[in-house]
Amino acid sequence: MTSFLNTCNFETVGVSFLSEHVLLVRLNRPDSLNAINTQMGHDLLAIWQALGRSDHDVRCVILTGEGGRAFSSGGDLKERKGMSTQSWSEQHQLFEKAFLALLNCPIPTIAAVNGVAYGGGFETALACDFIYASENAQFCLSEVKLGIIPGGGGTQTLSRAVGERLAKEMILSAKVLSAREAFDCGIANEVFRDQNALMESVTAVAKKISLHAPLAVQGAKKSIHNGLQTDLQTGYQVELDVYNQLILTKDRSEGVNAFNEKRLPNFKGE
């Protein structure tokens, strides 16, 4: 299937395919440390909304920042200088839609963080399913320094990742975490020596994910995320609902047949 992801050129975001089913999304404003301006908000919203539809073959997404210095430094404060309250509010409504579209994206998303991930940049990484980082990565929600609080889900996603007390410490003090500290407290899944090792490893994991049954992968993501928002028994029911839906798929039959025939499965997302 063909989607507009194959044909669109975004102004602030690079999009390319690393394999048939793995999409690389690059925040591409390196001269501004990949700060998120209004145009990037539009570009990211369009990408996450497109991935929420079914007219594509993407099975895993890697999100990273262009250049060696930053994943993203957060909202573009130069653009916001002198911005009216109305304009600020309208811009943030755009950002809110983009964050929600990423959080609700059915496709697995992996943040590959090299350099700084501050403010909205850190929130974007936290909205992904998991994070890999290079040794020079730094993480911070610094909004209280600007007279605001995290507005891209950070008070919620960080708290779920590290717990209430550490999240309060980080957000209230605008504490900067190194890559190793982020790994130790559960923000980063793995840390790699440099950007090359980071991208090599994250690409290998994304390709591995893309080989599995896409409906099963998406169902597992949905079950984990939705189940954790409720009690154990209700969460188990969420899991069973997804499980029972997958029994009806062609991919379930293909997976079992391939196992018994000692061959690799050919999953089609059906």
Protein backbone atom coordinates (compact mmCIF):
# COMPACT_ATOMS: atom_id res chain seq x y z
CA MET A 1 0.00 0.00 0.00
CA THR A 2 1.12 3.55 -0.66
CA SER A 3 0.69 6.36 1.84
CA PHE A 4 1.48 10.02 1.75
CA LEU A 5 4.48 9.28 3.99
CA ASN A 6 6.22 7.93 0.90
CA THR A 7 5.72 11.11 -1.07
CA CYS A 8 5.59 14.07 1.35
CA ASN A 9 8.49 16.41 2.03
CA PHE A 10 8.15 17.98 5.45
CA GLU A 11 9.78 21.31 6.19
CA THR A 12 11.16 20.50 9.64
CA VAL A 13 11.11 16.70 9.81
CA GLY A 14 12.91 14.13 7.69
CA VAL A 15 11.13 10.88 6.84
CA SER A 16 12.79 7.85 5.26
CA PHE A 17 12.44 4.08 5.23
CA LEU A 18 15.25 1.96 6.71
CA SER A 19 13.54 -1.19 5.47
CA GLU A 20 10.17 -2.11 4.00
CA HIS A 21 8.46 -1.72 7.36
CA VAL A 22 10.74 0.53 9.48
CA LEU A 23 10.27 4.29 9.27
CA LEU A 24 12.92 6.75 10.45
CA VAL A 25 11.59 10.15 11.54
CA ARG A 26 14.24 12.84 12.13
CA LEU A 27 13.58 16.15 13.88
CA ASN A 28 15.45 18.34 11.42
CA ARG A 29 16.29 21.77 12.80
CA PRO A 30 19.86 21.09 13.96
CA ASP A 31 20.87 24.78 13.96
CA SER A 32 18.16 25.35 16.59
CA LEU A 33 18.93 22.13 18.50
CA ASN A 34 15.82 20.68 16.84
CA ALA A 35 13.59 23.04 18.82
CA ILE A 36 9.91 22.49 18.22
CA ASN A 37 8.40 25.44 16.36
CA THR A 38 4.91 25.81 14.96
CA GLN A 39 5.82 24.22 11.63
CA MET A 40 7.35 21.21 13.35
CA GLY A 41 4.12 20.88 15.32
CA HIS A 42 2.18 20.71 12.04
CA ASP A 43 4.67 18.25 10.52
CA LEU A 44 4.66 15.89 13.50
CA LEU A 45 0.89 15.99 13.81
CA ALA A 46 0.56 15.03 10.14
CA ILE A 47 3.00 12.12 10.56
CA TRP A 48 1.45 10.67 13.72
CA GLN A 49 -2.07 11.03 12.31
CA ALA A 50 -1.00 9.28 9.10
CA LEU A 51 0.46 6.40 11.11
CA GLY A 52 -2.84 6.10 12.93
CA ARG A 53 -4.50 5.14 9.65
CA SER A 54 -4.13 1.88 7.75
CA ASP A 55 -2.90 3.05 4.32
CA HIS A 56 0.76 2.25 5.01
CA ASP A 57 3.06 -0.70 5.69
CA VAL A 58 4.94 0.83 8.63
CA ARG A 59 5.39 -1.62 11.50
CA CYS A 60 7.90 0.28 13.66
CA VAL A 61 9.07 3.91 13.91
CA ILE A 62 12.39 5.31 15.08
CA LEU A 63 12.28 8.95 16.16
CA THR A 64 15.57 10.82 16.50
CA GLY A 65 17.13 14.26 16.14
CA GLU A 66 19.32 15.45 13.27
CA GLY A 67 22.88 16.40 14.15
CA GLY A 68 24.97 15.28 17.08
CA ARG A 69 23.98 17.85 19.69
CA ALA A 70 20.30 17.35 20.36
CA PHE A 71 17.29 15.11 20.14
CA SER A 72 15.25 18.26 20.78
CA SER A 73 15.78 21.21 23.10
CA GLY A 74 12.00 21.65 23.47
CA GLY A 75 9.74 24.48 22.41
CA ASP A 76 11.33 27.17 20.23
CA LEU A 77 11.63 30.10 22.66
CA LYS A 78 12.93 32.42 19.95
CA GLU A 79 9.69 31.93 18.04
CA ARG A 80 7.74 32.41 21.25
CA LYS A 81 9.47 35.71 22.15
CA GLY A 82 6.84 38.43 22.04
CA MET A 83 4.10 35.94 21.16
CA SER A 84 0.67 37.06 22.34
CA THR A 85 -1.25 35.01 24.87
CA GLN A 86 -3.72 34.08 22.15
CA SER A 87 -1.00 32.98 19.74
CA TRP A 88 0.77 31.01 22.47
CA SER A 89 -2.47 29.24 23.35
CA GLU A 90 -3.23 28.42 19.70
CA GLN A 91 0.27 27.07 19.19
CA HIS A 92 0.03 24.92 22.28
CA GLN A 93 -3.29 23.48 21.14
CA LEU A 94 -1.46 22.32 18.01
CA PHE A 95 1.30 20.79 20.13
CA GLU A 96 -1.31 19.07 22.32
CA LYS A 97 -2.86 17.41 19.26
CA ALA A 98 0.58 16.22 18.12
CA PHE A 99 1.46 14.79 21.54
CA LEU A 100 -1.88 12.99 21.78
CA ALA A 101 -1.51 11.61 18.25
CA LEU A 102 1.90 10.21 19.20
CA LEU A 103 0.61 8.75 22.47
CA ASN A 104 -2.29 7.13 20.60
CA CYS A 105 -0.22 5.94 17.64
CA PRO A 106 -0.86 2.19 17.22
CA ILE A 107 2.57 1.64 15.64
CA PRO A 108 5.49 0.97 18.04
CA THR A 109 7.69 4.06 18.39
CA ILE A 110 11.27 4.10 19.68
CA ALA A 111 13.03 7.34 20.64
CA ALA A 112 16.75 7.34 19.82
CA VAL A 113 18.11 10.18 21.97
CA ASN A 114 21.49 11.70 21.21
CA GLY A 115 22.38 14.95 22.96
CA VAL A 116 19.88 17.05 24.88
CA ALA A 117 16.22 16.17 25.32
CA TYR A 118 14.75 19.10 27.22
CA GLY A 119 11.20 20.29 27.81
CA GLY A 120 8.93 19.31 24.97
CA GLY A 121 11.78 17.32 23.42
CA PHE A 122 11.96 15.11 26.50
CA GLU A 123 8.15 14.86 26.54
CA THR A 124 8.22 13.72 22.91
CA ALA A 125 10.68 10.97 23.81
CA LEU A 126 8.56 9.98 26.84
CA ALA A 127 5.50 9.71 24.58
CA CYS A 128 7.29 7.01 22.58
CA ASP A 129 7.06 3.37 23.66
CA PHE A 130 10.64 3.25 24.88
CA ILE A 131 13.91 5.16 24.74
CA TYR A 132 17.45 4.25 23.71
CA ALA A 133 20.14 6.84 24.42
CA SER A 134 23.77 7.58 23.66
CA GLU A 135 26.27 8.39 26.42
CA ASN A 136 26.01 12.13 25.75
CA ALA A 137 22.23 12.27 26.15
CA GLN A 138 20.76 14.57 28.79
CA PHE A 139 17.17 14.69 30.00
CA CYS A 140 15.35 17.55 31.70
CA LEU A 141 11.87 18.99 32.12
CA SER A 142 12.86 22.61 32.65
CA GLU A 143 9.51 24.37 32.26
CA VAL A 144 9.32 25.76 35.82
CA LYS A 145 12.29 27.98 34.90
CA LEU A 146 10.00 29.66 32.36
CA GLY A 147 7.00 30.13 34.64
CA ILE A 148 5.05 27.20 33.22
CA ILE A 149 4.84 23.44 33.76
CA PRO A 150 5.30 20.57 31.33
CA GLY A 151 2.39 20.70 28.87
CA GLY A 152 3.16 17.77 26.61
CA GLY A 153 2.13 15.08 29.04
CA GLY A 154 5.39 15.20 30.98
CA THR A 155 3.89 15.28 34.48
CA GLN A 156 2.05 12.08 33.56
CA THR A 157 4.50 10.14 31.39
CA LEU A 158 7.54 10.85 33.57
CA SER A 159 5.64 9.91 36.73
CA ARG A 160 4.61 6.62 35.15
CA ALA A 161 8.20 5.93 34.14
CA VAL A 162 10.01 6.76 37.39
CA GLY A 163 7.38 7.09 40.10
CA GLU A 164 5.84 10.09 41.82
CA ARG A 165 8.70 11.12 44.09
CA LEU A 166 11.48 11.18 41.51
CA ALA A 167 9.18 12.86 38.98
CA LYS A 168 8.44 15.60 41.50
CA GLU A 169 12.14 16.06 42.22
CA MET A 170 13.01 16.28 38.53
CA ILE A 171 10.18 18.61 37.53
CA LEU A 172 10.19 20.93 40.56
CA SER A 173 13.97 21.39 40.53
CA ALA A 174 14.39 21.17 36.73
CA LYS A 175 16.96 18.47 37.42
CA VAL A 176 19.17 17.35 34.53
CA LEU A 177 19.76 13.61 34.24
CA SER A 178 22.67 12.06 32.39
CA ALA A 179 22.08 9.08 30.12
CA ARG A 180 23.33 6.71 32.82
CA GLU A 181 21.08 8.29 35.45
CA ALA A 182 18.16 8.03 33.03
CA PHE A 183 18.92 4.35 32.57
CA ASP A 184 19.21 3.74 36.31
CA CYS A 185 15.77 5.21 37.02
CA GLY A 186 13.99 3.51 34.11
CA ILE A 187 13.68 6.35 31.59
CA ALA A 188 16.15 4.90 29.08
CA ASN A 189 16.05 1.20 28.23
CA GLU A 190 19.68 1.09 27.09
CA VAL A 191 22.66 3.44 26.76
CA PHE A 192 25.23 3.23 23.97
CA ARG A 193 28.73 4.67 23.66
CA ASP A 194 28.00 7.04 20.76
CA GLN A 195 25.48 8.01 18.11
CA ASN A 196 26.61 5.37 15.63
CA ALA A 197 26.21 2.55 18.14
CA LEU A 198 22.86 4.00 19.19
CA MET A 199 21.44 4.06 15.68
CA GLU A 200 22.86 0.65 14.81
CA SER A 201 21.22 -0.93 17.84
CA VAL A 202 17.89 0.88 17.62
CA THR A 203 17.63 -0.02 13.93
CA ALA A 204 18.26 -3.69 14.71
CA VAL A 205 15.53 -3.70 17.37
CA ALA A 206 13.07 -1.89 15.10
CA LYS A 207 13.69 -4.38 12.29
CA LYS A 208 13.21 -7.26 14.72
CA ILE A 209 9.87 -5.82 15.83
CA SER A 210 8.83 -5.32 12.20
CA LEU A 211 9.29 -9.04 11.47
CA HIS A 212 6.64 -10.05 13.99
CA ALA A 213 2.90 -10.14 13.33
CA PRO A 214 1.93 -6.45 13.13
CA LEU A 215 -1.57 -6.85 14.54
CA ALA A 216 -0.17 -8.84 17.47
CA VAL A 217 2.53 -6.23 18.13
CA GLN A 218 -0.03 -3.42 18.01
CA GLY A 219 -2.39 -5.43 20.20
CA ALA A 220 0.30 -6.06 22.80
CA LYS A 221 1.16 -2.35 22.85
CA LYS A 222 -2.50 -1.44 23.31
CA SER A 223 -3.00 -4.04 26.02
CA ILE A 224 0.03 -2.89 28.04
CA HIS A 225 -0.77 0.81 27.75
CA ASN A 226 -4.52 0.61 28.38
CA GLY A 227 -4.23 -2.06 31.05
CA LEU A 228 -1.84 0.01 33.14
CA GLN A 229 -4.43 2.78 33.39
CA THR A 230 -6.71 0.57 35.47
CA ASP A 231 -6.73 -2.23 38.08
CA LEU A 232 -5.21 -5.66 37.46
CA GLN A 233 -8.44 -7.54 36.80
CA THR A 234 -9.77 -4.92 34.39
CA GLY A 235 -6.37 -4.82 32.71
CA TYR A 236 -6.51 -8.57 32.24
CA GLN A 237 -9.88 -8.17 30.53
CA VAL A 238 -8.30 -5.62 28.18
CA GLU A 239 -5.66 -8.24 27.37
CA LEU A 240 -8.27 -10.96 26.75
CA ASP A 241 -10.29 -8.70 24.45
CA VAL A 242 -7.22 -8.15 22.28
CA TYR A 243 -6.23 -11.82 22.45
CA ASN A 244 -9.65 -13.00 21.29
CA GLN A 245 -9.62 -10.55 18.37
CA LEU A 246 -6.25 -11.91 17.24
CA ILE A 247 -7.52 -15.49 17.19
CA LEU A 248 -9.65 -14.51 14.19
CA THR A 249 -6.74 -13.15 12.10
CA LYS A 250 -4.97 -14.79 9.18
CA ASP A 251 -1.64 -13.91 10.80
CA ARG A 252 -2.45 -16.16 13.76
CA SER A 253 -2.96 -19.09 11.38
CA GLU A 254 0.18 -18.16 9.44
CA GLY A 255 2.27 -18.04 12.60
CA VAL A 256 1.18 -21.49 13.77
CA ASN A 257 1.55 -22.99 10.28
CA ALA A 258 5.02 -21.52 9.84
CA PHE A 259 6.12 -22.93 13.19
CA ASN A 260 4.93 -26.44 12.30
CA GLU A 261 6.38 -26.23 8.79
CA LYS A 262 9.73 -25.01 10.19
CA ARG A 263 9.81 -21.85 8.06
CA LEU A 264 9.73 -18.12 8.62
CA PRO A 265 6.21 -16.68 8.76
CA ASN A 266 4.96 -14.22 6.16
CA PHE A 267 2.81 -11.86 8.20
CA LYS A 268 0.57 -9.46 6.27
CA GLY A 269 -1.31 -7.70 9.01
CA GLU A 270 -4.56 -9.50 8.20
